[in-house]
Amino acid sequence: MTNKPKPWIFTASCPSRLGTVDVVTRFLAETGNYVLEMQSFDDRELERFCIRVEFRPERDGFSEEAFNEAFAKRAAEFSMEWQLTAPDHRPRVAILVSKYDHCLNDLLYRFRTGQLNIEIPVIISNHPDLKSLADWHGIPYYHLPITPDTKAEQEAEVWKLIQQYDAELVVLARYMQVLSPDLCSKLDGWAINIHHSLLPGFKGAKPYHQAWEKGVKLVGATAHYVNNDLDEGPIITQGIQPVNHAQYPEDLIEKGQDIERVTLFKAIRYHIEKRVFLLGQRTVVFAD
């Protein structure tokens, strides 16, 4: 089976005003670029317009530099901020993980099979448990233990590694540590976390046991950007499934972990495919 060619991706946002769609589509047509898919949204509360376009150049010699230079003249009138993403771009993703391996395993499988168009240059953990998994994939694994007394030093090492490996995205794949405000500030808008949907009702140890005891009928997961509000950053996507009286805590945990895997994968894919626009504490997500 022939792989479908990946398109160029154009994303932009600007203040709401007449002609925002036209300035994009007219420019693409005039420069010989065929629109394959287009999504747009106008936020009436913030009066902010967002657009995402997948396109295919129809003329030889397409130049990203020339595209940006020419479009800048059109965009200036609309105070438009934009980004062009090449088909062959594979974002470098640093993964942070603790002992739970279900999300990491899933991401490595999707990376290995090409379902996620990314590079994973480094895995960082506060435990040694998952090193063999990283070794099998040939990915450097750094064990950086942490205690309350060494938190600042450990996070400094984490940040150093993120920079050293030129990460464009950081994923907390069940990294069971609360990040400091300083590290949250550095990662604001480009780090994704996953957690179960039982928060804030069931905090602390054994949340699924607490939920089972209260007769919860839904379990799920939330993937969001990291910020200084613990587990309350801008939400990218969520997943949910019903449960019933015949399912015990271990069943809820198993189902919850399945949802976490899929939800985190979707959030990462939406991010790297430029489907997410951050508007303050809210997001516009052009899910496919």
C-alpha atoms as a PDB file:
ATOM      1  CA  MET A   1       0.000   0.000   0.000  1.00  0.00           C
ATOM      2  CA  THR A   2       1.366   3.429  -0.970  1.00  0.00           C
ATOM      3  CA  ASN A   3       1.689   5.883   1.891  1.00  0.00           C
ATOM      4  CA  LYS A   4      -0.379   9.025   1.449  1.00  0.00           C
ATOM      5  CA  PRO A   5       1.933  12.031   0.906  1.00  0.00           C
ATOM      6  CA  LYS A   6       1.980  14.342   3.908  1.00  0.00           C
ATOM      7  CA  PRO A   7       0.800  17.898   3.271  1.00  0.00           C
ATOM      8  CA  TRP A   8       2.238  21.248   4.272  1.00  0.00           C
ATOM      9  CA  ILE A   9       0.381  22.732   7.238  1.00  0.00           C
ATOM     10  CA  PHE A  10      -0.413  26.435   7.560  1.00  0.00           C
ATOM     11  CA  THR A  11      -1.788  27.790  10.828  1.00  0.00           C
ATOM     12  CA  ALA A  12      -2.589  31.358  11.754  1.00  0.00           C
ATOM     13  CA  SER A  13      -4.488  33.539  14.191  1.00  0.00           C
ATOM     14  CA  CYS A  14      -5.382  37.214  14.282  1.00  0.00           C
ATOM     15  CA  PRO A  15      -7.969  39.660  15.608  1.00  0.00           C
ATOM     16  CA  SER A  16     -11.450  39.004  14.224  1.00  0.00           C
ATOM     17  CA  ARG A  17     -12.265  41.048  11.139  1.00  0.00           C
ATOM     18  CA  LEU A  18     -13.735  40.720   7.668  1.00  0.00           C
ATOM     19  CA  GLY A  19     -11.514  39.009   5.097  1.00  0.00           C
ATOM     20  CA  THR A  20      -9.470  36.702   7.317  1.00  0.00           C
ATOM     21  CA  VAL A  21     -10.336  33.537   5.375  1.00  0.00           C
ATOM     22  CA  ASP A  22      -9.959  35.288   2.042  1.00  0.00           C
ATOM     23  CA  VAL A  23      -6.452  36.591   2.722  1.00  0.00           C
ATOM     24  CA  VAL A  24      -5.263  33.019   3.340  1.00  0.00           C
ATOM     25  CA  THR A  25      -7.116  31.136   0.614  1.00  0.00           C
ATOM     26  CA  ARG A  26      -6.534  33.804  -2.033  1.00  0.00           C
ATOM     27  CA  PHE A  27      -2.791  33.794  -1.330  1.00  0.00           C
ATOM     28  CA  LEU A  28      -2.626  29.985  -1.509  1.00  0.00           C
ATOM     29  CA  ALA A  29      -4.475  29.967  -4.832  1.00  0.00           C
ATOM     30  CA  GLU A  30      -2.409  32.752  -6.353  1.00  0.00           C
ATOM     31  CA  THR A  31       0.852  31.037  -5.400  1.00  0.00           C
ATOM     32  CA  GLY A  32      -0.209  27.669  -6.840  1.00  0.00           C
ATOM     33  CA  ASN A  33      -1.060  25.753  -3.674  1.00  0.00           C
ATOM     34  CA  TYR A  34      -4.023  23.361  -3.607  1.00  0.00           C
ATOM     35  CA  VAL A  35      -6.087  23.348  -0.398  1.00  0.00           C
ATOM     36  CA  LEU A  36      -6.689  19.798   0.828  1.00  0.00           C
ATOM     37  CA  GLU A  37      -8.361  20.587   4.140  1.00  0.00           C
ATOM     38  CA  MET A  38      -9.312  23.765   5.963  1.00  0.00           C
ATOM     39  CA  GLN A  39     -10.746  24.464   9.408  1.00  0.00           C
ATOM     40  CA  SER A  40     -11.392  27.822  11.006  1.00  0.00           C
ATOM     41  CA  PHE A  41     -12.989  29.233  14.131  1.00  0.00           C
ATOM     42  CA  ASP A  42     -13.805  32.720  15.355  1.00  0.00           C
ATOM     43  CA  ASP A  43     -13.848  33.109  19.141  1.00  0.00           C
ATOM     44  CA  ARG A  44     -16.477  35.735  19.836  1.00  0.00           C
ATOM     45  CA  GLU A  45     -15.453  36.135  23.479  1.00  0.00           C
ATOM     46  CA  LEU A  46     -11.820  36.975  22.705  1.00  0.00           C
ATOM     47  CA  GLU A  47     -12.545  38.261  19.198  1.00  0.00           C
ATOM     48  CA  ARG A  48      -9.765  36.048  17.890  1.00  0.00           C
ATOM     49  CA  PHE A  49      -9.773  34.166  14.592  1.00  0.00           C
ATOM     50  CA  CYS A  50      -7.940  30.837  14.086  1.00  0.00           C
ATOM     51  CA  ILE A  51      -7.357  28.907  10.869  1.00  0.00           C
ATOM     52  CA  ARG A  52      -5.600  25.676   9.922  1.00  0.00           C
ATOM     53  CA  VAL A  53      -4.981  24.635   6.305  1.00  0.00           C
ATOM     54  CA  GLU A  54      -3.412  21.532   4.807  1.00  0.00           C
ATOM     55  CA  PHE A  55      -2.192  22.163   1.284  1.00  0.00           C
ATOM     56  CA  ARG A  56      -0.192  20.683  -1.587  1.00  0.00           C
ATOM     57  CA  PRO A  57       2.096  22.821  -3.794  1.00  0.00           C
ATOM     58  CA  GLU A  58       1.090  22.451  -7.445  1.00  0.00           C
ATOM     59  CA  ARG A  59       4.150  24.203  -8.866  1.00  0.00           C
ATOM     60  CA  ASP A  60       7.766  23.051  -8.865  1.00  0.00           C
ATOM     61  CA  GLY A  61      10.294  24.805  -6.692  1.00  0.00           C
ATOM     62  CA  PHE A  62       8.114  25.526  -3.647  1.00  0.00           C
ATOM     63  CA  SER A  63      10.168  27.518  -1.127  1.00  0.00           C
ATOM     64  CA  GLU A  64       9.223  27.907   2.518  1.00  0.00           C
ATOM     65  CA  GLU A  65      11.320  31.060   2.770  1.00  0.00           C
ATOM     66  CA  ALA A  66       9.690  32.614  -0.294  1.00  0.00           C
ATOM     67  CA  PHE A  67       6.214  31.647   0.962  1.00  0.00           C
ATOM     68  CA  ASN A  68       6.778  33.330   4.324  1.00  0.00           C
ATOM     69  CA  GLU A  69       8.323  36.427   2.792  1.00  0.00           C
ATOM     70  CA  ALA A  70       5.449  36.903   0.356  1.00  0.00           C
ATOM     71  CA  PHE A  71       2.688  36.138   2.849  1.00  0.00           C
ATOM     72  CA  ALA A  72       4.122  38.584   5.405  1.00  0.00           C
ATOM     73  CA  LYS A  73       2.986  41.438   3.183  1.00  0.00           C
ATOM     74  CA  ARG A  74      -0.603  40.123   3.163  1.00  0.00           C
ATOM     75  CA  ALA A  75      -0.620  39.198   6.867  1.00  0.00           C
ATOM     76  CA  ALA A  76       0.549  42.596   8.107  1.00  0.00           C
ATOM     77  CA  GLU A  77      -2.802  44.210   7.294  1.00  0.00           C
ATOM     78  CA  PHE A  78      -4.554  41.715   9.592  1.00  0.00           C
ATOM     79  CA  SER A  79      -1.924  41.607  12.381  1.00  0.00           C
ATOM     80  CA  MET A  80      -1.844  37.891  11.619  1.00  0.00           C
ATOM     81  CA  GLU A  81       0.582  35.495  13.304  1.00  0.00           C
ATOM     82  CA  TRP A  82       1.249  32.359  11.282  1.00  0.00           C
ATOM     83  CA  GLN A  83       3.358  29.226  11.079  1.00  0.00           C
ATOM     84  CA  LEU A  84       4.258  26.931   8.199  1.00  0.00           C
ATOM     85  CA  THR A  85       5.091  23.289   8.948  1.00  0.00           C
ATOM     86  CA  ALA A  86       6.904  21.131   6.407  1.00  0.00           C
ATOM     87  CA  PRO A  87       5.660  17.602   5.600  1.00  0.00           C
ATOM     88  CA  ASP A  88       8.948  16.013   6.667  1.00  0.00           C
ATOM     89  CA  HIS A  89       9.154  17.779  10.031  1.00  0.00           C
ATOM     90  CA  ARG A  90       9.392  15.299  12.913  1.00  0.00           C
ATOM     91  CA  PRO A  91       9.173  17.106  16.273  1.00  0.00           C
ATOM     92  CA  ARG A  92      11.639  16.014  18.943  1.00  0.00           C
ATOM     93  CA  VAL A  93       9.689  14.824  21.999  1.00  0.00           C
ATOM     94  CA  ALA A  94      11.241  14.334  25.443  1.00  0.00           C
ATOM     95  CA  ILE A  95       9.283  11.921  27.631  1.00  0.00           C
ATOM     96  CA  LEU A  96       9.129  12.072  31.431  1.00  0.00           C
ATOM     97  CA  VAL A  97       7.865   8.960  33.209  1.00  0.00           C
ATOM     98  CA  SER A  98       7.903   7.313  36.646  1.00  0.00           C
ATOM     99  CA  LYS A  99       6.982   3.639  37.190  1.00  0.00           C
ATOM    100  CA  TYR A 100       3.708   3.171  35.287  1.00  0.00           C
ATOM    101  CA  ASP A 101       4.612   1.955  31.803  1.00  0.00           C
ATOM    102  CA  HIS A 102       1.279   1.859  29.952  1.00  0.00           C
ATOM    103  CA  CYS A 103       1.519   5.316  28.374  1.00  0.00           C
ATOM    104  CA  LEU A 104       5.228   5.032  27.585  1.00  0.00           C
ATOM    105  CA  ASN A 105       4.750   1.606  25.999  1.00  0.00           C
ATOM    106  CA  ASP A 106       1.931   2.929  23.844  1.00  0.00           C
ATOM    107  CA  LEU A 107       3.879   5.986  22.686  1.00  0.00           C
ATOM    108  CA  LEU A 108       6.957   3.917  21.835  1.00  0.00           C
ATOM    109  CA  TYR A 109       4.820   1.512  19.808  1.00  0.00           C
ATOM    110  CA  ARG A 110       3.155   4.346  17.884  1.00  0.00           C
ATOM    111  CA  PHE A 111       6.557   5.980  17.353  1.00  0.00           C
ATOM    112  CA  ARG A 112       8.031   2.709  16.116  1.00  0.00           C
ATOM    113  CA  THR A 113       5.164   2.011  13.694  1.00  0.00           C
ATOM    114  CA  GLY A 114       4.939   5.568  12.386  1.00  0.00           C
ATOM    115  CA  GLN A 115       1.536   6.376  13.883  1.00  0.00           C
ATOM    116  CA  LEU A 116       3.234   9.301  15.609  1.00  0.00           C
ATOM    117  CA  ASN A 117       5.435  11.329  13.276  1.00  0.00           C
ATOM    118  CA  ILE A 118       7.980  12.235  15.977  1.00  0.00           C
ATOM    119  CA  GLU A 119      11.486  11.603  17.216  1.00  0.00           C
ATOM    120  CA  ILE A 120      12.048  10.538  20.830  1.00  0.00           C
ATOM    121  CA  PRO A 121      15.638  11.543  21.643  1.00  0.00           C
ATOM    122  CA  VAL A 122      15.444  11.080  25.422  1.00  0.00           C
ATOM    123  CA  ILE A 123      13.431   9.517  28.246  1.00  0.00           C
ATOM    124  CA  ILE A 124      13.810  10.914  31.775  1.00  0.00           C
ATOM    125  CA  SER A 125      12.584   9.220  34.947  1.00  0.00           C
ATOM    126  CA  ASN A 126      12.781   9.526  38.700  1.00  0.00           C
ATOM    127  CA  HIS A 127      12.942   5.703  38.875  1.00  0.00           C
ATOM    128  CA  PRO A 128      15.190   3.123  37.140  1.00  0.00           C
ATOM    129  CA  ASP A 129      12.358   0.664  36.413  1.00  0.00           C
ATOM    130  CA  LEU A 130      11.733   1.394  32.717  1.00  0.00           C
ATOM    131  CA  LYS A 131      15.334   1.644  31.541  1.00  0.00           C
ATOM    132  CA  SER A 132      15.216  -1.734  29.787  1.00  0.00           C
ATOM    133  CA  LEU A 133      12.265  -0.549  27.705  1.00  0.00           C
ATOM    134  CA  ALA A 134      14.179   2.532  26.596  1.00  0.00           C
ATOM    135  CA  ASP A 135      17.306   0.472  25.932  1.00  0.00           C
ATOM    136  CA  TRP A 136      15.351  -1.903  23.673  1.00  0.00           C
ATOM    137  CA  HIS A 137      14.346   1.095  21.551  1.00  0.00           C
ATOM    138  CA  GLY A 138      17.857   2.540  21.595  1.00  0.00           C
ATOM    139  CA  ILE A 139      16.743   5.719  23.382  1.00  0.00           C
ATOM    140  CA  PRO A 140      18.937   7.344  26.073  1.00  0.00           C
ATOM    141  CA  TYR A 141      17.363   6.920  29.523  1.00  0.00           C
ATOM    142  CA  TYR A 142      18.283   9.152  32.430  1.00  0.00           C
ATOM    143  CA  HIS A 143      17.445   8.110  35.981  1.00  0.00           C
ATOM    144  CA  LEU A 144      17.210  11.261  38.083  1.00  0.00           C
ATOM    145  CA  PRO A 145      15.950  10.359  41.576  1.00  0.00           C
ATOM    146  CA  ILE A 146      14.187  13.073  43.529  1.00  0.00           C
ATOM    147  CA  THR A 147      13.498  13.880  47.173  1.00  0.00           C
ATOM    148  CA  PRO A 148      11.981  17.010  48.710  1.00  0.00           C
ATOM    149  CA  ASP A 149      15.507  18.173  49.534  1.00  0.00           C
ATOM    150  CA  THR A 150      16.868  17.600  45.998  1.00  0.00           C
ATOM    151  CA  LYS A 151      13.856  18.761  43.958  1.00  0.00           C
ATOM    152  CA  ALA A 152      15.491  21.982  42.707  1.00  0.00           C
ATOM    153  CA  GLU A 153      18.697  20.216  41.652  1.00  0.00           C
ATOM    154  CA  GLN A 154      16.781  17.359  39.997  1.00  0.00           C
ATOM    155  CA  GLU A 155      14.576  19.710  38.005  1.00  0.00           C
ATOM    156  CA  ALA A 156      17.628  21.684  36.915  1.00  0.00           C
ATOM    157  CA  GLU A 157      19.032  18.437  35.474  1.00  0.00           C
ATOM    158  CA  VAL A 158      15.700  17.669  33.793  1.00  0.00           C
ATOM    159  CA  TRP A 159      15.676  21.100  32.170  1.00  0.00           C
ATOM    160  CA  LYS A 160      19.292  20.718  31.106  1.00  0.00           C
ATOM    161  CA  LEU A 161      18.471  17.440  29.322  1.00  0.00           C
ATOM    162  CA  ILE A 162      15.395  18.911  27.629  1.00  0.00           C
ATOM    163  CA  GLN A 163      17.616  21.650  26.210  1.00  0.00           C
ATOM    164  CA  GLN A 164      20.518  19.319  25.419  1.00  0.00           C
ATOM    165  CA  TYR A 165      18.292  17.101  23.267  1.00  0.00           C
ATOM    166  CA  ASP A 166      16.582  20.070  21.554  1.00  0.00           C
ATOM    167  CA  ALA A 167      13.111  18.940  22.593  1.00  0.00           C
ATOM    168  CA  GLU A 168      10.231  20.751  20.906  1.00  0.00           C
ATOM    169  CA  LEU A 169       7.628  19.054  23.093  1.00  0.00           C
ATOM    170  CA  VAL A 170       7.752  17.503  26.565  1.00  0.00           C
ATOM    171  CA  VAL A 171       5.312  14.720  27.466  1.00  0.00           C
ATOM    172  CA  LEU A 172       4.583  13.681  31.041  1.00  0.00           C
ATOM    173  CA  ALA A 173       3.623  10.052  30.416  1.00  0.00           C
ATOM    174  CA  ARG A 174       2.474   9.391  33.990  1.00  0.00           C
ATOM    175  CA  TYR A 175       5.353  11.281  35.588  1.00  0.00           C
ATOM    176  CA  MET A 176       4.231  11.161  39.203  1.00  0.00           C
ATOM    177  CA  GLN A 177       5.875  14.359  40.411  1.00  0.00           C
ATOM    178  CA  VAL A 178       4.466  17.832  40.925  1.00  0.00           C
ATOM    179  CA  LEU A 179       6.562  20.241  38.875  1.00  0.00           C
ATOM    180  CA  SER A 180       7.780  23.426  40.520  1.00  0.00           C
ATOM    181  CA  PRO A 181       6.353  26.785  39.401  1.00  0.00           C
ATOM    182  CA  ASP A 182       9.732  27.583  37.824  1.00  0.00           C
ATOM    183  CA  LEU A 183       9.762  24.477  35.602  1.00  0.00           C
ATOM    184  CA  CYS A 184       6.052  24.873  34.826  1.00  0.00           C
ATOM    185  CA  SER A 185       6.762  28.408  33.657  1.00  0.00           C
ATOM    186  CA  LYS A 186       9.549  27.201  31.352  1.00  0.00           C
ATOM    187  CA  LEU A 187       7.323  24.477  29.861  1.00  0.00           C
ATOM    188  CA  ASP A 188       4.168  26.572  29.579  1.00  0.00           C
ATOM    189  CA  GLY A 189       2.439  25.796  26.277  1.00  0.00           C
ATOM    190  CA  TRP A 190       4.775  23.028  25.117  1.00  0.00           C
ATOM    191  CA  ALA A 191       4.438  20.264  27.725  1.00  0.00           C
ATOM    192  CA  ILE A 192       1.525  17.818  27.814  1.00  0.00           C
ATOM    193  CA  ASN A 193       0.339  15.946  30.905  1.00  0.00           C
ATOM    194  CA  ILE A 194      -2.148  13.086  31.273  1.00  0.00           C
ATOM    195  CA  HIS A 195      -4.188  12.243  34.340  1.00  0.00           C
ATOM    196  CA  HIS A 196      -7.309  10.289  35.215  1.00  0.00           C
ATOM    197  CA  SER A 197     -10.644  12.098  35.170  1.00  0.00           C
ATOM    198  CA  LEU A 198     -11.436  11.373  38.816  1.00  0.00           C
ATOM    199  CA  LEU A 199      -9.875  14.661  39.892  1.00  0.00           C
ATOM    200  CA  PRO A 200     -10.671  16.743  41.859  1.00  0.00           C
ATOM    201  CA  GLY A 201     -13.156  14.445  43.600  1.00  0.00           C
ATOM    202  CA  PHE A 202     -10.777  11.573  44.313  1.00  0.00           C
ATOM    203  CA  LYS A 203      -7.288  12.813  45.139  1.00  0.00           C
ATOM    204  CA  GLY A 204      -4.230  11.084  46.546  1.00  0.00           C
ATOM    205  CA  ALA A 205      -3.568   7.360  46.712  1.00  0.00           C
ATOM    206  CA  LYS A 206      -5.848   4.787  45.099  1.00  0.00           C
ATOM    207  CA  PRO A 207      -8.300   7.147  43.350  1.00  0.00           C
ATOM    208  CA  TYR A 208      -9.960   4.261  41.506  1.00  0.00           C
ATOM    209  CA  HIS A 209     -10.626   2.472  44.805  1.00  0.00           C
ATOM    210  CA  GLN A 210     -12.175   5.667  46.163  1.00  0.00           C
ATOM    211  CA  ALA A 211     -14.288   6.018  43.039  1.00  0.00           C
ATOM    212  CA  TRP A 212     -15.433   2.393  43.222  1.00  0.00           C
ATOM    213  CA  GLU A 213     -16.489   2.807  46.847  1.00  0.00           C
ATOM    214  CA  LYS A 214     -18.626   5.786  45.840  1.00  0.00           C
ATOM    215  CA  GLY A 215     -20.207   3.937  42.928  1.00  0.00           C
ATOM    216  CA  VAL A 216     -18.768   6.075  40.136  1.00  0.00           C
ATOM    217  CA  LYS A 217     -20.313   5.216  36.769  1.00  0.00           C
ATOM    218  CA  LEU A 218     -17.795   6.918  34.448  1.00  0.00           C
ATOM    219  CA  VAL A 219     -14.008   6.808  34.242  1.00  0.00           C
ATOM    220  CA  GLY A 220     -11.829   8.721  31.859  1.00  0.00           C
ATOM    221  CA  ALA A 221      -8.691  10.742  31.251  1.00  0.00           C
ATOM    222  CA  THR A 222      -7.708  14.334  30.532  1.00  0.00           C
ATOM    223  CA  ALA A 223      -4.708  15.498  28.493  1.00  0.00           C
ATOM    224  CA  HIS A 224      -3.751  19.122  29.015  1.00  0.00           C
ATOM    225  CA  TYR A 225      -0.908  21.591  28.759  1.00  0.00           C
ATOM    226  CA  VAL A 226       1.226  22.056  31.846  1.00  0.00           C
ATOM    227  CA  ASN A 227       0.994  25.300  33.775  1.00  0.00           C
ATOM    228  CA  ASN A 228       1.241  26.453  37.389  1.00  0.00           C
ATOM    229  CA  ASP A 229      -2.297  25.253  38.184  1.00  0.00           C
ATOM    230  CA  LEU A 230      -1.844  21.618  39.196  1.00  0.00           C
ATOM    231  CA  ASP A 231      -3.706  19.348  36.740  1.00  0.00           C
ATOM    232  CA  GLU A 232      -5.761  22.335  35.584  1.00  0.00           C
ATOM    233  CA  GLY A 233      -3.873  23.523  32.491  1.00  0.00           C
ATOM    234  CA  PRO A 234      -5.621  24.178  29.163  1.00  0.00           C
ATOM    235  CA  ILE A 235      -7.335  20.964  28.087  1.00  0.00           C
ATOM    236  CA  ILE A 236      -6.449  19.449  24.715  1.00  0.00           C
ATOM    237  CA  THR A 237      -8.653  16.362  24.729  1.00  0.00           C
ATOM    238  CA  GLN A 238     -10.492  13.967  27.030  1.00  0.00           C
ATOM    239  CA  GLY A 239     -11.723  10.387  26.951  1.00  0.00           C
ATOM    240  CA  ILE A 240     -14.465   8.661  28.897  1.00  0.00           C
ATOM    241  CA  GLN A 241     -16.080   5.224  29.271  1.00  0.00           C
ATOM    242  CA  PRO A 242     -18.970   3.929  31.387  1.00  0.00           C
ATOM    243  CA  VAL A 243     -18.431   1.427  34.191  1.00  0.00           C
ATOM    244  CA  ASN A 244     -20.920  -0.472  36.327  1.00  0.00           C
ATOM    245  CA  HIS A 245     -21.431  -2.380  39.574  1.00  0.00           C
ATOM    246  CA  ALA A 246     -19.873  -5.558  38.158  1.00  0.00           C
ATOM    247  CA  GLN A 247     -16.481  -3.914  37.738  1.00  0.00           C
ATOM    248  CA  TYR A 248     -14.145  -3.813  40.726  1.00  0.00           C
ATOM    249  CA  PRO A 249     -11.257  -1.388  41.409  1.00  0.00           C
ATOM    250  CA  GLU A 250      -8.786  -3.427  39.361  1.00  0.00           C
ATOM    251  CA  ASP A 251     -11.219  -3.339  36.419  1.00  0.00           C
ATOM    252  CA  LEU A 252     -11.579   0.429  36.732  1.00  0.00           C
ATOM    253  CA  ILE A 253      -7.799   0.812  36.778  1.00  0.00           C
ATOM    254  CA  GLU A 254      -7.401  -1.307  33.649  1.00  0.00           C
ATOM    255  CA  LYS A 255     -10.101   0.607  31.794  1.00  0.00           C
ATOM    256  CA  GLY A 256      -8.725   3.927  33.015  1.00  0.00           C
ATOM    257  CA  GLN A 257      -5.229   3.096  31.781  1.00  0.00           C
ATOM    258  CA  ASP A 258      -6.607   2.173  28.357  1.00  0.00           C
ATOM    259  CA  ILE A 259      -8.304   5.567  28.127  1.00  0.00           C
ATOM    260  CA  GLU A 260      -5.140   7.340  29.300  1.00  0.00           C
ATOM    261  CA  ARG A 261      -3.117   5.719  26.508  1.00  0.00           C
ATOM    262  CA  VAL A 262      -5.485   6.742  23.739  1.00  0.00           C
ATOM    263  CA  THR A 263      -6.163  10.207  25.142  1.00  0.00           C
ATOM    264  CA  LEU A 264      -2.468  11.039  25.482  1.00  0.00           C
ATOM    265  CA  PHE A 265      -1.760   9.779  21.959  1.00  0.00           C
ATOM    266  CA  LYS A 266      -4.531  11.981  20.538  1.00  0.00           C
ATOM    267  CA  ALA A 267      -3.296  15.042  22.439  1.00  0.00           C
ATOM    268  CA  ILE A 268       0.255  14.614  21.145  1.00  0.00           C
ATOM    269  CA  ARG A 269      -0.949  14.058  17.592  1.00  0.00           C
ATOM    270  CA  TYR A 270      -3.190  17.124  17.708  1.00  0.00           C
ATOM    271  CA  HIS A 271      -0.255  19.177  19.002  1.00  0.00           C
ATOM    272  CA  ILE A 272       2.308  18.046  16.439  1.00  0.00           C
ATOM    273  CA  GLU A 273      -0.208  18.357  13.593  1.00  0.00           C
ATOM    274  CA  LYS A 274      -0.815  21.977  14.662  1.00  0.00           C
ATOM    275  CA  ARG A 275      -4.462  21.330  15.450  1.00  0.00           C
ATOM    276  CA  VAL A 276      -4.356  23.133  18.809  1.00  0.00           C
ATOM    277  CA  PHE A 277      -4.582  26.891  19.353  1.00  0.00           C
ATOM    278  CA  LEU A 278      -4.026  28.256  22.847  1.00  0.00           C
ATOM    279  CA  LEU A 279      -6.326  31.143  23.693  1.00  0.00           C
ATOM    280  CA  GLY A 280      -5.460  32.024  27.274  1.00  0.00           C
ATOM    281  CA  GLN A 281      -6.657  29.137  29.441  1.00  0.00           C
ATOM    282  CA  ARG A 282      -8.842  27.716  26.679  1.00  0.00           C
ATOM    283  CA  THR A 283      -7.977  25.816  23.538  1.00  0.00           C
ATOM    284  CA  VAL A 284      -9.339  25.616  20.033  1.00  0.00           C
ATOM    285  CA  VAL A 285      -8.791  22.051  18.832  1.00  0.00           C
ATOM    286  CA  PHE A 286      -9.388  21.138  15.201  1.00  0.00           C
ATOM    287  CA  ALA A 287      -9.804  17.417  15.770  1.00  0.00           C
ATOM    288  CA  ASP A 288     -10.085  15.290  12.657  1.00  0.00           C
END
